[in-house]
Amino acid sequence: MSYLEISFWHVAFAAMLILINGAISVALSLRLEKTLLIASVRTVVQLLLVGLVLEWVFRFDRWYVVVLLGCVMTLIAGFTAATRGKRTYAGIWFNCLISIWASAWFVTAFALFVVFEGTEKWYQPQYSVPLLGMVLGNILNGITLGLNAFTESLVNRRDYIESMLSAGATRWEAAIEPIRDSIRTGMTPIINAMMIVGLVSLPGMMTGQLVSGMDPMQAVKYQIVIMFLIASATALGTVGVVVLTFLQLFNKDHQFLGHQVISR
């Protein structure tokens, strides 16, 4: 297996393409120049740091180092998910973290112990770190979309929900439609991705494997596994955070604590 090595000069040439985005922003007065610059710098710095960390993790090859790195990645994902929505409430960080941690680590563990059971070690960084990273990234998007849709729906339907509760409906009956809509919203992006994968787009992992010289059918098999892993993890994470939010904002006396939901 071989691959074409890319120098930093090649990376610099590719980075020049971001000037197209800047030109569009200037031409249309989008005022995105500063944001694009910050995003570009962060992309380079963050990925270079990750590269250095992964080189050390791959070389050190100890289970506790892999687990520690996974914990840091999960904490960052949980914090990001809790801060990206338009609205917040007390306990949102805990709910996001628990949902991401449980769903991501369960699915990743299933992959390492069942799907990739032929590996020498369950914590082999070559598999464990990229798998967890891809799963976390997709769960993060699902949870952010689902949670934002749920809190927005609760605020917009507050009068209807409270009238349902006052008429004798249970908290579940009053909130079931927002719950369904928000979970559907969180799961839609991954479903759309599954609909077009291979026909419209070649995912990053599969592209990287093909570029590195892997047999195309093996790359396809890997990608199929990844798609199912991230789909199930996204569903689990989205359902988890919506249900936890529901339990947080509706008490056992079937009262809606809408005052806890505030705008950022």
Protein backbone atom coordinates (compact mmCIF):
# COMPACT_ATOMS: atom_id res chain seq x y z
CA MET A 1 0.00 0.00 0.00
CA SER A 2 1.44 3.36 -1.05
CA TYR A 3 0.31 6.96 -1.15
CA LEU A 4 1.47 10.26 -2.57
CA GLU A 5 3.18 12.37 0.06
CA ILE A 6 1.99 15.98 0.24
CA SER A 7 4.47 18.67 1.20
CA PHE A 8 3.64 21.84 3.11
CA TRP A 9 4.01 23.73 -0.16
CA HIS A 10 1.19 21.65 -1.64
CA VAL A 11 -0.91 22.39 1.43
CA ALA A 12 -0.20 26.10 0.96
CA PHE A 13 -1.31 25.93 -2.67
CA ALA A 14 -4.59 24.28 -1.61
CA ALA A 15 -5.07 26.90 1.11
CA MET A 16 -4.96 29.62 -1.55
CA LEU A 17 -8.32 28.38 -2.79
CA ILE A 18 -9.93 29.97 0.28
CA LEU A 19 -9.28 33.29 -1.47
CA ILE A 20 -12.24 32.39 -3.68
CA ASN A 21 -14.47 32.44 -0.61
CA GLY A 22 -13.00 35.75 0.44
CA ALA A 23 -13.57 37.26 -3.01
CA ILE A 24 -17.21 36.16 -2.98
CA SER A 25 -17.66 37.64 0.48
CA VAL A 26 -16.19 40.99 -0.63
CA ALA A 27 -18.11 41.08 -3.91
CA LEU A 28 -21.46 40.39 -2.24
CA SER A 29 -20.71 42.34 0.97
CA LEU A 30 -21.25 39.22 3.08
CA ARG A 31 -18.79 40.46 5.72
CA LEU A 32 -17.39 36.97 6.20
CA GLU A 33 -13.74 37.85 5.57
CA LYS A 34 -12.75 37.90 9.24
CA THR A 35 -14.70 34.71 9.97
CA LEU A 36 -13.10 32.96 7.00
CA LEU A 37 -9.63 34.02 8.12
CA ILE A 38 -10.20 32.81 11.68
CA ALA A 39 -11.74 29.55 10.44
CA SER A 40 -8.81 28.95 8.07
CA VAL A 41 -6.19 29.59 10.74
CA ARG A 42 -8.03 27.40 13.23
CA THR A 43 -8.31 24.61 10.65
CA VAL A 44 -4.55 24.60 10.05
CA VAL A 45 -3.52 24.98 13.69
CA GLN A 46 -6.02 22.45 15.07
CA LEU A 47 -5.22 19.78 12.47
CA LEU A 48 -1.47 20.23 12.86
CA LEU A 49 -1.82 19.85 16.62
CA VAL A 50 -3.99 16.79 16.15
CA GLY A 51 -1.38 15.36 13.79
CA LEU A 52 1.35 15.81 16.39
CA VAL A 53 -0.81 14.27 19.13
CA LEU A 54 -1.79 11.30 16.97
CA GLU A 55 1.82 10.66 15.99
CA TRP A 56 2.68 10.43 19.68
CA VAL A 57 -0.39 8.30 20.51
CA PHE A 58 0.33 5.89 17.65
CA ARG A 59 3.95 5.60 18.74
CA PHE A 60 3.22 5.24 22.47
CA ASP A 61 0.41 2.70 21.88
CA ARG A 62 -1.07 2.34 25.40
CA TRP A 63 -4.72 1.78 26.21
CA TYR A 64 -4.92 4.47 28.88
CA VAL A 65 -3.54 7.08 26.48
CA VAL A 66 -6.20 6.18 23.89
CA VAL A 67 -8.95 6.28 26.54
CA LEU A 68 -7.72 9.64 27.84
CA LEU A 69 -7.68 11.09 24.33
CA GLY A 70 -11.20 9.72 23.78
CA CYS A 71 -12.39 11.37 27.00
CA VAL A 72 -10.97 14.74 25.93
CA MET A 73 -12.61 14.45 22.50
CA THR A 74 -15.95 13.54 24.08
CA LEU A 75 -15.82 16.42 26.58
CA ILE A 76 -15.14 18.90 23.77
CA ALA A 77 -18.01 17.46 21.72
CA GLY A 78 -20.37 17.67 24.69
CA PHE A 79 -19.43 21.26 25.44
CA THR A 80 -19.78 22.24 21.79
CA ALA A 81 -23.22 20.61 21.47
CA ALA A 82 -24.43 22.43 24.58
CA THR A 83 -23.34 25.86 23.35
CA ARG A 84 -24.35 25.82 19.67
CA GLY A 85 -28.12 26.16 20.04
CA LYS A 86 -30.18 29.34 20.15
CA ARG A 87 -31.64 28.50 23.56
CA THR A 88 -30.33 26.99 26.76
CA TYR A 89 -31.51 25.76 30.16
CA ALA A 90 -30.00 24.62 33.44
CA GLY A 91 -28.48 21.17 32.96
CA ILE A 92 -28.07 21.33 29.19
CA TRP A 93 -24.32 20.65 29.36
CA PHE A 94 -24.79 17.53 31.48
CA ASN A 95 -27.56 16.21 29.21
CA CYS A 96 -25.50 16.75 26.06
CA LEU A 97 -22.41 15.17 27.57
CA ILE A 98 -24.25 12.08 28.84
CA SER A 99 -26.04 11.60 25.51
CA ILE A 100 -22.86 11.95 23.46
CA TRP A 101 -20.74 9.85 25.81
CA ALA A 102 -23.18 6.95 26.07
CA SER A 103 -24.06 6.74 22.37
CA ALA A 104 -20.56 7.34 20.97
CA TRP A 105 -18.74 4.98 23.29
CA PHE A 106 -21.35 2.24 22.97
CA VAL A 107 -21.24 2.27 19.17
CA THR A 108 -17.43 2.58 19.06
CA ALA A 109 -17.06 -0.30 21.53
CA PHE A 110 -19.40 -2.41 19.39
CA ALA A 111 -17.27 -1.66 16.34
CA LEU A 112 -13.97 -2.47 18.08
CA PHE A 113 -15.10 -5.65 19.80
CA VAL A 114 -17.50 -7.06 17.19
CA VAL A 115 -16.87 -5.59 13.73
CA PHE A 116 -13.09 -5.20 14.00
CA GLU A 117 -12.56 -8.09 16.39
CA GLY A 118 -9.63 -9.27 14.29
CA THR A 119 -7.39 -6.41 15.40
CA GLU A 120 -4.43 -7.19 17.65
CA LYS A 121 -5.67 -4.92 20.47
CA TRP A 122 -9.10 -3.39 21.08
CA TYR A 123 -7.53 0.01 21.71
CA GLN A 124 -5.37 -0.01 18.58
CA PRO A 125 -5.14 3.75 17.79
CA GLN A 126 -5.29 3.14 14.04
CA TYR A 127 -8.93 2.09 14.46
CA SER A 128 -10.20 3.40 17.80
CA VAL A 129 -9.30 7.09 17.46
CA PRO A 130 -10.61 7.70 13.89
CA LEU A 131 -13.76 5.69 14.60
CA LEU A 132 -14.57 7.61 17.76
CA GLY A 133 -13.81 10.90 16.02
CA MET A 134 -16.16 10.22 13.11
CA VAL A 135 -18.91 9.01 15.43
CA LEU A 136 -18.57 12.03 17.73
CA GLY A 137 -18.67 14.48 14.83
CA ASN A 138 -21.93 13.09 13.49
CA ILE A 139 -23.54 12.76 16.91
CA LEU A 140 -22.61 16.37 17.60
CA ASN A 141 -24.52 17.52 14.52
CA GLY A 142 -27.54 15.35 15.30
CA ILE A 143 -27.74 16.45 18.92
CA THR A 144 -27.30 20.13 18.05
CA LEU A 145 -30.06 20.06 15.44
CA GLY A 146 -32.41 17.93 17.52
CA LEU A 147 -31.93 19.90 20.72
CA ASN A 148 -32.31 23.24 18.98
CA ALA A 149 -35.49 22.07 17.25
CA PHE A 150 -36.92 20.73 20.51
CA THR A 151 -36.32 23.86 22.60
CA GLU A 152 -37.60 26.11 19.80
CA SER A 153 -40.72 24.00 19.43
CA LEU A 154 -41.39 24.05 23.17
CA VAL A 155 -41.15 27.84 23.24
CA ASN A 156 -43.30 28.32 20.13
CA ARG A 157 -45.94 25.82 21.30
CA ARG A 158 -45.91 26.80 24.94
CA ASP A 159 -49.56 27.92 25.02
CA TYR A 160 -50.70 24.72 23.32
CA ILE A 161 -48.62 22.52 25.62
CA GLU A 162 -49.89 24.23 28.76
CA SER A 163 -53.49 24.04 27.56
CA MET A 164 -53.03 20.31 26.94
CA LEU A 165 -51.64 19.82 30.44
CA SER A 166 -54.42 21.87 32.05
CA ALA A 167 -56.96 19.74 30.19
CA GLY A 168 -55.58 16.60 31.83
CA ALA A 169 -52.99 15.41 29.31
CA THR A 170 -49.83 13.79 30.63
CA ARG A 171 -46.46 15.42 30.04
CA TRP A 172 -45.68 12.81 27.40
CA GLU A 173 -48.94 13.43 25.55
CA ALA A 174 -48.36 17.18 25.60
CA ALA A 175 -44.77 16.95 24.35
CA ILE A 176 -44.91 14.00 21.96
CA GLU A 177 -45.19 16.06 18.76
CA PRO A 178 -42.19 18.33 19.56
CA ILE A 179 -40.25 15.20 20.57
CA ARG A 180 -41.01 13.47 17.28
CA ASP A 181 -40.24 16.53 15.19
CA SER A 182 -36.93 17.22 16.93
CA ILE A 183 -35.71 13.63 16.68
CA ARG A 184 -36.66 13.61 13.01
CA THR A 185 -34.71 16.84 12.52
CA GLY A 186 -31.63 15.42 14.22
CA MET A 187 -31.67 12.23 12.16
CA THR A 188 -32.43 13.79 8.77
CA PRO A 189 -28.84 14.79 7.78
CA ILE A 190 -27.40 11.30 8.23
CA ILE A 191 -30.38 9.74 6.43
CA ASN A 192 -29.84 12.15 3.53
CA ALA A 193 -26.14 11.26 3.50
CA MET A 194 -26.98 7.55 3.35
CA MET A 195 -29.34 8.17 0.43
CA ILE A 196 -26.64 9.65 -1.80
CA VAL A 197 -23.40 8.06 -0.57
CA GLY A 198 -21.51 6.57 -3.49
CA LEU A 199 -23.82 8.18 -6.06
CA VAL A 200 -23.31 11.87 -5.41
CA SER A 201 -20.49 11.89 -2.87
CA LEU A 202 -17.53 9.76 -1.84
CA PRO A 203 -17.03 10.13 1.94
CA GLY A 204 -13.74 11.40 3.29
CA MET A 205 -12.68 8.12 4.87
CA MET A 206 -13.29 6.14 1.70
CA THR A 207 -11.51 8.75 -0.40
CA GLY A 208 -8.51 8.69 1.92
CA GLN A 209 -8.29 4.90 1.75
CA LEU A 210 -8.50 4.90 -2.03
CA VAL A 211 -5.79 7.56 -2.25
CA SER A 212 -3.58 5.52 0.10
CA GLY A 213 -3.87 2.53 -2.24
CA MET A 214 -6.45 0.31 -0.53
CA ASP A 215 -8.45 -2.09 -2.68
CA PRO A 216 -11.70 -0.31 -3.71
CA MET A 217 -13.99 -3.07 -2.41
CA GLN A 218 -12.25 -3.05 0.96
CA ALA A 219 -12.66 0.72 1.12
CA VAL A 220 -16.34 0.31 0.28
CA LYS A 221 -16.82 -2.24 3.05
CA TYR A 222 -15.17 0.06 5.58
CA GLN A 223 -17.40 2.93 4.49
CA ILE A 224 -20.57 0.84 4.74
CA VAL A 225 -19.62 -0.09 8.30
CA ILE A 226 -18.90 3.55 9.15
CA MET A 227 -22.22 4.76 7.74
CA PHE A 228 -24.19 2.30 9.85
CA LEU A 229 -22.14 3.11 12.95
CA ILE A 230 -22.67 6.85 12.70
CA ALA A 231 -26.34 6.44 11.77
CA SER A 232 -27.09 4.37 14.87
CA ALA A 233 -24.96 6.60 17.11
CA THR A 234 -26.69 9.74 15.81
CA ALA A 235 -30.10 8.21 16.48
CA LEU A 236 -29.14 7.14 20.00
CA GLY A 237 -27.57 10.49 20.83
CA THR A 238 -30.44 12.55 19.46
CA VAL A 239 -33.08 10.48 21.25
CA GLY A 240 -31.02 10.59 24.44
CA VAL A 241 -30.63 14.37 24.59
CA VAL A 242 -34.26 15.03 23.63
CA VAL A 243 -35.59 12.63 26.27
CA LEU A 244 -33.27 14.02 28.95
CA THR A 245 -34.34 17.55 28.03
CA PHE A 246 -37.98 16.48 28.19
CA LEU A 247 -37.47 15.06 31.69
CA GLN A 248 -35.66 18.25 32.70
CA LEU A 249 -38.40 20.60 31.50
CA PHE A 250 -41.46 18.53 32.45
CA ASN A 251 -41.66 17.46 36.10
CA LYS A 252 -43.36 14.39 37.57
CA ASP A 253 -46.45 16.46 38.36
CA HIS A 254 -46.93 16.98 34.60
CA GLN A 255 -45.99 20.64 34.72
CA PHE A 256 -44.10 22.39 31.94
CA LEU A 257 -41.15 24.39 33.26
CA GLY A 258 -40.99 26.64 30.22
CA HIS A 259 -39.45 29.50 32.18
CA GLN A 260 -36.19 27.52 32.33
CA VAL A 261 -35.70 27.78 28.57
CA ILE A 262 -33.95 31.06 27.84
CA SER A 263 -32.37 32.65 24.78
CA ARG A 264 -28.60 32.94 24.65
